[in-house]
Amino acid sequence: MTYQVEIAFAEEERARRVISRSNSRVTGKYPGLKSRRMHYWESSLERDAFMLLDVSAEVVSFDEQPVTLYYGIGKKLRHYPDVLVSYPNRQVFVEIKTDREAHSMEVVTRTAYLIPALARHGYGYRVWTESEIRDRSFRLSNLRFLLRFGRTEVELTRFEWLRQLFRKHASLPWKEIVGHPTDKGKLSALCRLILEGRLRIDLMRPILPESLISVGRM
């Protein structure tokens, strides 16, 4: 079977308009740390996915609805992938779906067609499900906390203080870094450096005063 697909990149930021006053669904904007711009989402599931992409060390960048895909033989079908994710050595179109949507005949059939069709153009394609995005760990709640306090860039003096601190210690508990009571400046710097991957914490467990922080890519 010959798999055919045409990739039409948007002339503007997105191939399809996301935000509209007439929308009945919940929509919004996510302020990206990597991109330093707003990313438009059409569901809270997309918003959560954007958070995970934004803090993933493997992800270089991501763009929402950047293309229109025309695929099929004979009658052409149209599809707007939710996100194009760029990794150091590859790019992958990602469709974000609830578990129920992911198992629908339409999505399964489209995915089976687009994977080999896009591979011919050097792109990957995958469906990212709700159960994968919203697993039962504390990852998303931790990210919301880190993003709440860690959106300010770290001052050089504060960064150097932390760098020197971790030259002396392989790991330190959260409470030893932010102080007693919590120093807002230290809290902001710690959250930001964790989001950037320069410091590490186990995001799958709840963040507690005793949670250990270790060096990432300082």
C-alpha atoms as a PDB file:
ATOM      1  CA  MET A   1       0.000   0.000   0.000  1.00  0.00           C
ATOM      2  CA  THR A   2       1.233   3.501  -0.861  1.00  0.00           C
ATOM      3  CA  TYR A   3       0.773   6.020   1.950  1.00  0.00           C
ATOM      4  CA  GLN A   4       0.424   9.610   0.811  1.00  0.00           C
ATOM      5  CA  VAL A   5       0.394  12.780   2.892  1.00  0.00           C
ATOM      6  CA  GLU A   6       0.845  16.466   2.141  1.00  0.00           C
ATOM      7  CA  ILE A   7       2.193  18.717   4.904  1.00  0.00           C
ATOM      8  CA  ALA A   8       1.034  22.339   4.742  1.00  0.00           C
ATOM      9  CA  PHE A   9       2.743  24.512   7.339  1.00  0.00           C
ATOM     10  CA  ALA A  10       0.737  27.433   8.666  1.00  0.00           C
ATOM     11  CA  GLU A  11       1.586  30.879   7.362  1.00  0.00           C
ATOM     12  CA  GLU A  12       0.840  32.263  10.804  1.00  0.00           C
ATOM     13  CA  GLU A  13       1.561  30.635  14.190  1.00  0.00           C
ATOM     14  CA  ARG A  14      -1.212  28.028  13.920  1.00  0.00           C
ATOM     15  CA  ALA A  15      -2.932  26.179  11.098  1.00  0.00           C
ATOM     16  CA  ARG A  16      -6.301  26.495  12.819  1.00  0.00           C
ATOM     17  CA  ARG A  17      -7.586  29.173  15.150  1.00  0.00           C
ATOM     18  CA  VAL A  18      -7.909  27.888  18.710  1.00  0.00           C
ATOM     19  CA  ILE A  19      -9.288  30.757  20.781  1.00  0.00           C
ATOM     20  CA  SER A  20     -12.748  32.034  19.903  1.00  0.00           C
ATOM     21  CA  ARG A  21     -15.514  33.707  21.891  1.00  0.00           C
ATOM     22  CA  SER A  22     -17.958  31.358  20.245  1.00  0.00           C
ATOM     23  CA  ASN A  23     -16.171  28.275  21.553  1.00  0.00           C
ATOM     24  CA  SER A  24     -18.341  26.252  23.892  1.00  0.00           C
ATOM     25  CA  ARG A  25     -15.368  24.361  25.297  1.00  0.00           C
ATOM     26  CA  VAL A  26     -12.846  25.610  27.840  1.00  0.00           C
ATOM     27  CA  THR A  27      -9.814  27.164  26.155  1.00  0.00           C
ATOM     28  CA  GLY A  28      -6.843  29.144  27.359  1.00  0.00           C
ATOM     29  CA  LYS A  29      -3.191  30.051  27.065  1.00  0.00           C
ATOM     30  CA  TYR A  30      -0.135  28.436  28.595  1.00  0.00           C
ATOM     31  CA  PRO A  31       2.933  30.699  29.068  1.00  0.00           C
ATOM     32  CA  GLY A  32       5.850  28.620  27.801  1.00  0.00           C
ATOM     33  CA  LEU A  33       9.188  28.705  29.605  1.00  0.00           C
ATOM     34  CA  LYS A  34      11.153  27.345  26.646  1.00  0.00           C
ATOM     35  CA  SER A  35       9.419  29.401  23.964  1.00  0.00           C
ATOM     36  CA  ARG A  36       8.808  32.599  25.977  1.00  0.00           C
ATOM     37  CA  ARG A  37       5.413  32.881  24.279  1.00  0.00           C
ATOM     38  CA  MET A  38       1.820  31.854  24.875  1.00  0.00           C
ATOM     39  CA  HIS A  39       0.703  28.408  23.705  1.00  0.00           C
ATOM     40  CA  TYR A  40      -3.024  28.114  22.999  1.00  0.00           C
ATOM     41  CA  TRP A  41      -4.838  25.044  24.310  1.00  0.00           C
ATOM     42  CA  GLU A  42      -8.332  23.730  23.607  1.00  0.00           C
ATOM     43  CA  SER A  43      -8.778  21.499  26.653  1.00  0.00           C
ATOM     44  CA  SER A  44      -7.354  21.103  30.130  1.00  0.00           C
ATOM     45  CA  LEU A  45      -5.752  17.867  28.912  1.00  0.00           C
ATOM     46  CA  GLU A  46      -3.800  19.802  26.278  1.00  0.00           C
ATOM     47  CA  ARG A  47      -2.770  22.313  28.952  1.00  0.00           C
ATOM     48  CA  ASP A  48      -1.398  19.522  31.121  1.00  0.00           C
ATOM     49  CA  ALA A  49       0.429  18.031  28.145  1.00  0.00           C
ATOM     50  CA  PHE A  50       2.021  21.417  27.408  1.00  0.00           C
ATOM     51  CA  MET A  51       3.337  21.576  30.981  1.00  0.00           C
ATOM     52  CA  LEU A  52       4.989  18.173  30.611  1.00  0.00           C
ATOM     53  CA  LEU A  53       6.538  19.086  27.259  1.00  0.00           C
ATOM     54  CA  ASP A  54       7.764  22.409  28.600  1.00  0.00           C
ATOM     55  CA  VAL A  55       9.773  20.880  31.449  1.00  0.00           C
ATOM     56  CA  SER A  56      10.969  17.736  29.667  1.00  0.00           C
ATOM     57  CA  ALA A  57      14.752  17.783  29.241  1.00  0.00           C
ATOM     58  CA  GLU A  58      14.352  15.752  26.035  1.00  0.00           C
ATOM     59  CA  VAL A  59      12.136  18.351  24.335  1.00  0.00           C
ATOM     60  CA  VAL A  60      13.826  21.227  22.505  1.00  0.00           C
ATOM     61  CA  SER A  61      10.571  22.987  21.577  1.00  0.00           C
ATOM     62  CA  PHE A  62       6.904  22.388  20.781  1.00  0.00           C
ATOM     63  CA  ASP A  63       4.379  24.213  18.611  1.00  0.00           C
ATOM     64  CA  GLU A  64       0.624  23.784  18.735  1.00  0.00           C
ATOM     65  CA  GLN A  65      -1.280  23.052  15.513  1.00  0.00           C
ATOM     66  CA  PRO A  66       1.533  24.162  13.171  1.00  0.00           C
ATOM     67  CA  VAL A  67       0.349  22.224  10.081  1.00  0.00           C
ATOM     68  CA  THR A  68      -2.561  20.869   8.130  1.00  0.00           C
ATOM     69  CA  LEU A  69      -2.091  17.280   6.969  1.00  0.00           C
ATOM     70  CA  TYR A  70      -3.875  16.170   3.793  1.00  0.00           C
ATOM     71  CA  TYR A  71      -3.760  12.403   3.552  1.00  0.00           C
ATOM     72  CA  GLY A  72      -5.297   9.438   1.781  1.00  0.00           C
ATOM     73  CA  ILE A  73      -5.562   8.157  -1.769  1.00  0.00           C
ATOM     74  CA  GLY A  74      -8.330   9.511  -3.952  1.00  0.00           C
ATOM     75  CA  LYS A  75     -10.446  11.502  -1.525  1.00  0.00           C
ATOM     76  CA  LYS A  76      -8.117  13.617   0.621  1.00  0.00           C
ATOM     77  CA  LEU A  77      -8.820  13.869   4.324  1.00  0.00           C
ATOM     78  CA  ARG A  78      -7.701  16.782   6.489  1.00  0.00           C
ATOM     79  CA  HIS A  79      -6.118  16.609   9.929  1.00  0.00           C
ATOM     80  CA  TYR A  80      -4.656  19.188  12.329  1.00  0.00           C
ATOM     81  CA  PRO A  81      -2.170  17.489  14.692  1.00  0.00           C
ATOM     82  CA  ASP A  82      -2.283  19.057  18.145  1.00  0.00           C
ATOM     83  CA  VAL A  83       1.457  19.564  18.557  1.00  0.00           C
ATOM     84  CA  LEU A  84       4.751  19.263  16.689  1.00  0.00           C
ATOM     85  CA  VAL A  85       7.417  18.275  19.218  1.00  0.00           C
ATOM     86  CA  SER A  86      11.069  18.852  18.356  1.00  0.00           C
ATOM     87  CA  TYR A  87      13.719  16.630  19.924  1.00  0.00           C
ATOM     88  CA  PRO A  88      17.483  16.977  19.297  1.00  0.00           C
ATOM     89  CA  ASN A  89      17.414  14.502  16.394  1.00  0.00           C
ATOM     90  CA  ARG A  90      13.787  14.135  15.372  1.00  0.00           C
ATOM     91  CA  GLN A  91      10.379  15.775  15.122  1.00  0.00           C
ATOM     92  CA  VAL A  92       7.113  14.128  16.068  1.00  0.00           C
ATOM     93  CA  PHE A  93       3.510  15.161  15.421  1.00  0.00           C
ATOM     94  CA  VAL A  94       1.470  14.431  18.550  1.00  0.00           C
ATOM     95  CA  GLU A  95      -2.275  14.061  18.865  1.00  0.00           C
ATOM     96  CA  ILE A  96      -3.576  14.491  22.439  1.00  0.00           C
ATOM     97  CA  LYS A  97      -6.653  12.390  23.209  1.00  0.00           C
ATOM     98  CA  THR A  98      -8.668  10.983  26.067  1.00  0.00           C
ATOM     99  CA  ASP A  99      -8.370   7.210  26.382  1.00  0.00           C
ATOM    100  CA  ARG A 100     -11.821   6.776  24.892  1.00  0.00           C
ATOM    101  CA  GLU A 101     -11.047   9.009  21.907  1.00  0.00           C
ATOM    102  CA  ALA A 102      -7.709   7.271  21.332  1.00  0.00           C
ATOM    103  CA  HIS A 103      -9.465   3.923  20.866  1.00  0.00           C
ATOM    104  CA  SER A 104     -12.101   5.211  18.449  1.00  0.00           C
ATOM    105  CA  MET A 105     -12.077   3.715  14.951  1.00  0.00           C
ATOM    106  CA  GLU A 106     -11.398   7.129  13.378  1.00  0.00           C
ATOM    107  CA  VAL A 107      -8.291   7.820  15.470  1.00  0.00           C
ATOM    108  CA  VAL A 108      -6.932   4.262  15.238  1.00  0.00           C
ATOM    109  CA  THR A 109      -7.374   4.184  11.448  1.00  0.00           C
ATOM    110  CA  ARG A 110      -5.862   7.648  10.969  1.00  0.00           C
ATOM    111  CA  THR A 111      -2.898   6.853  13.199  1.00  0.00           C
ATOM    112  CA  ALA A 112      -2.174   3.594  11.375  1.00  0.00           C
ATOM    113  CA  TYR A 113      -2.121   5.507   8.074  1.00  0.00           C
ATOM    114  CA  LEU A 114      -0.139   8.559   9.179  1.00  0.00           C
ATOM    115  CA  ILE A 115       2.718   6.741  10.945  1.00  0.00           C
ATOM    116  CA  PRO A 116       4.181   5.241   7.725  1.00  0.00           C
ATOM    117  CA  ALA A 117       3.052   8.192   5.576  1.00  0.00           C
ATOM    118  CA  LEU A 118       4.862  10.779   7.709  1.00  0.00           C
ATOM    119  CA  ALA A 119       7.903   8.545   8.188  1.00  0.00           C
ATOM    120  CA  ARG A 120       8.577   8.983   4.454  1.00  0.00           C
ATOM    121  CA  HIS A 121       8.959  12.711   5.152  1.00  0.00           C
ATOM    122  CA  GLY A 122      11.160  12.233   8.215  1.00  0.00           C
ATOM    123  CA  TYR A 123       8.489  12.857  10.863  1.00  0.00           C
ATOM    124  CA  GLY A 124       7.145  10.674  13.631  1.00  0.00           C
ATOM    125  CA  TYR A 125       3.494  10.516  14.676  1.00  0.00           C
ATOM    126  CA  ARG A 126       1.883   9.338  17.896  1.00  0.00           C
ATOM    127  CA  VAL A 127      -1.260   9.597  20.005  1.00  0.00           C
ATOM    128  CA  TRP A 128      -0.596  10.723  23.586  1.00  0.00           C
ATOM    129  CA  THR A 129      -3.368   9.495  25.863  1.00  0.00           C
ATOM    130  CA  GLU A 130      -4.904  10.931  29.001  1.00  0.00           C
ATOM    131  CA  SER A 131      -3.736   7.990  31.119  1.00  0.00           C
ATOM    132  CA  GLU A 132      -0.154   8.680  30.019  1.00  0.00           C
ATOM    133  CA  ILE A 133      -0.396  12.420  30.674  1.00  0.00           C
ATOM    134  CA  ARG A 134      -2.377  12.215  33.903  1.00  0.00           C
ATOM    135  CA  ASP A 135      -0.786   9.206  35.540  1.00  0.00           C
ATOM    136  CA  ARG A 136      -1.419   8.489  39.204  1.00  0.00           C
ATOM    137  CA  SER A 137       1.810  10.069  40.417  1.00  0.00           C
ATOM    138  CA  PHE A 138       2.214  13.559  41.875  1.00  0.00           C
ATOM    139  CA  ARG A 139       3.977  14.794  38.723  1.00  0.00           C
ATOM    140  CA  LEU A 140       1.365  17.270  37.470  1.00  0.00           C
ATOM    141  CA  SER A 141       0.540  18.732  40.888  1.00  0.00           C
ATOM    142  CA  ASN A 142       4.268  19.163  41.523  1.00  0.00           C
ATOM    143  CA  LEU A 143       4.707  20.921  38.191  1.00  0.00           C
ATOM    144  CA  ARG A 144       1.859  23.309  38.952  1.00  0.00           C
ATOM    145  CA  PHE A 145       3.568  24.181  42.225  1.00  0.00           C
ATOM    146  CA  LEU A 146       6.961  24.657  40.580  1.00  0.00           C
ATOM    147  CA  LEU A 147       5.485  26.787  37.794  1.00  0.00           C
ATOM    148  CA  ARG A 148       3.603  28.919  40.306  1.00  0.00           C
ATOM    149  CA  PHE A 149       6.819  30.025  42.000  1.00  0.00           C
ATOM    150  CA  GLY A 150       9.498  29.393  39.375  1.00  0.00           C
ATOM    151  CA  ARG A 151       8.668  31.663  36.453  1.00  0.00           C
ATOM    152  CA  THR A 152      11.212  34.345  37.397  1.00  0.00           C
ATOM    153  CA  GLU A 153      14.711  33.928  35.997  1.00  0.00           C
ATOM    154  CA  VAL A 154      17.387  33.292  38.610  1.00  0.00           C
ATOM    155  CA  GLU A 155      19.700  36.165  39.438  1.00  0.00           C
ATOM    156  CA  LEU A 156      23.395  35.459  38.886  1.00  0.00           C
ATOM    157  CA  THR A 157      24.274  35.924  42.559  1.00  0.00           C
ATOM    158  CA  ARG A 158      21.549  33.501  43.630  1.00  0.00           C
ATOM    159  CA  PHE A 159      22.612  30.969  41.001  1.00  0.00           C
ATOM    160  CA  GLU A 160      26.241  31.168  42.141  1.00  0.00           C
ATOM    161  CA  TRP A 161      25.177  30.680  45.766  1.00  0.00           C
ATOM    162  CA  LEU A 162      23.334  27.501  44.834  1.00  0.00           C
ATOM    163  CA  ARG A 163      26.184  26.279  42.630  1.00  0.00           C
ATOM    164  CA  GLN A 164      28.650  26.655  45.480  1.00  0.00           C
ATOM    165  CA  LEU A 165      26.214  24.993  47.867  1.00  0.00           C
ATOM    166  CA  PHE A 166      25.978  21.888  45.689  1.00  0.00           C
ATOM    167  CA  ARG A 167      29.719  21.757  45.194  1.00  0.00           C
ATOM    168  CA  LYS A 168      29.869  20.833  48.884  1.00  0.00           C
ATOM    169  CA  HIS A 169      26.843  18.501  48.986  1.00  0.00           C
ATOM    170  CA  ALA A 170      25.710  15.758  46.613  1.00  0.00           C
ATOM    171  CA  SER A 171      22.122  16.325  47.749  1.00  0.00           C
ATOM    172  CA  LEU A 172      20.208  18.474  50.206  1.00  0.00           C
ATOM    173  CA  PRO A 173      16.678  18.390  51.626  1.00  0.00           C
ATOM    174  CA  TRP A 174      14.232  20.991  50.331  1.00  0.00           C
ATOM    175  CA  LYS A 175      13.954  22.716  53.721  1.00  0.00           C
ATOM    176  CA  GLU A 176      17.720  23.265  53.949  1.00  0.00           C
ATOM    177  CA  ILE A 177      17.677  25.250  50.708  1.00  0.00           C
ATOM    178  CA  VAL A 178      14.563  27.420  51.082  1.00  0.00           C
ATOM    179  CA  GLY A 179      15.201  28.171  54.775  1.00  0.00           C
ATOM    180  CA  HIS A 180      13.017  28.390  57.893  1.00  0.00           C
ATOM    181  CA  PRO A 181      10.708  30.201  57.393  1.00  0.00           C
ATOM    182  CA  THR A 182      10.716  29.945  53.615  1.00  0.00           C
ATOM    183  CA  ASP A 183      12.765  32.583  51.828  1.00  0.00           C
ATOM    184  CA  LYS A 184      10.712  33.585  48.761  1.00  0.00           C
ATOM    185  CA  GLY A 185      13.806  34.380  46.707  1.00  0.00           C
ATOM    186  CA  LYS A 186      15.384  31.006  47.448  1.00  0.00           C
ATOM    187  CA  LEU A 187      12.078  29.246  46.765  1.00  0.00           C
ATOM    188  CA  SER A 188      11.727  30.971  43.400  1.00  0.00           C
ATOM    189  CA  ALA A 189      15.304  30.128  42.396  1.00  0.00           C
ATOM    190  CA  LEU A 190      14.968  26.510  43.484  1.00  0.00           C
ATOM    191  CA  CYS A 191      11.710  26.015  41.577  1.00  0.00           C
ATOM    192  CA  ARG A 192      13.114  27.636  38.445  1.00  0.00           C
ATOM    193  CA  LEU A 193      16.300  25.548  38.430  1.00  0.00           C
ATOM    194  CA  ILE A 194      14.284  22.355  38.882  1.00  0.00           C
ATOM    195  CA  LEU A 195      12.074  23.346  35.945  1.00  0.00           C
ATOM    196  CA  GLU A 196      15.186  23.986  33.847  1.00  0.00           C
ATOM    197  CA  GLY A 197      16.664  20.632  34.832  1.00  0.00           C
ATOM    198  CA  ARG A 198      19.675  22.196  36.529  1.00  0.00           C
ATOM    199  CA  LEU A 199      18.530  20.719  39.839  1.00  0.00           C
ATOM    200  CA  ARG A 200      16.612  17.489  40.299  1.00  0.00           C
ATOM    201  CA  ILE A 201      13.813  16.240  42.519  1.00  0.00           C
ATOM    202  CA  ASP A 202      11.621  13.159  42.252  1.00  0.00           C
ATOM    203  CA  LEU A 203       8.502  14.623  40.649  1.00  0.00           C
ATOM    204  CA  MET A 204       6.626  11.349  41.019  1.00  0.00           C
ATOM    205  CA  ARG A 205       6.475  11.815  44.798  1.00  0.00           C
ATOM    206  CA  PRO A 206       4.965  14.726  46.770  1.00  0.00           C
ATOM    207  CA  ILE A 207       7.304  17.654  47.421  1.00  0.00           C
ATOM    208  CA  LEU A 208       7.945  17.722  51.170  1.00  0.00           C
ATOM    209  CA  PRO A 209      10.428  19.583  53.401  1.00  0.00           C
ATOM    210  CA  GLU A 210      12.490  16.376  53.511  1.00  0.00           C
ATOM    211  CA  SER A 211      12.493  15.850  49.712  1.00  0.00           C
ATOM    212  CA  LEU A 212      16.046  15.548  48.426  1.00  0.00           C
ATOM    213  CA  ILE A 213      17.411  17.926  45.790  1.00  0.00           C
ATOM    214  CA  SER A 214      20.435  16.916  43.720  1.00  0.00           C
ATOM    215  CA  VAL A 215      22.460  18.432  40.881  1.00  0.00           C
ATOM    216  CA  GLY A 216      21.177  18.171  37.331  1.00  0.00           C
ATOM    217  CA  ARG A 217      22.985  20.019  34.566  1.00  0.00           C
ATOM    218  CA  MET A 218      24.358  23.020  36.463  1.00  0.00           C
END
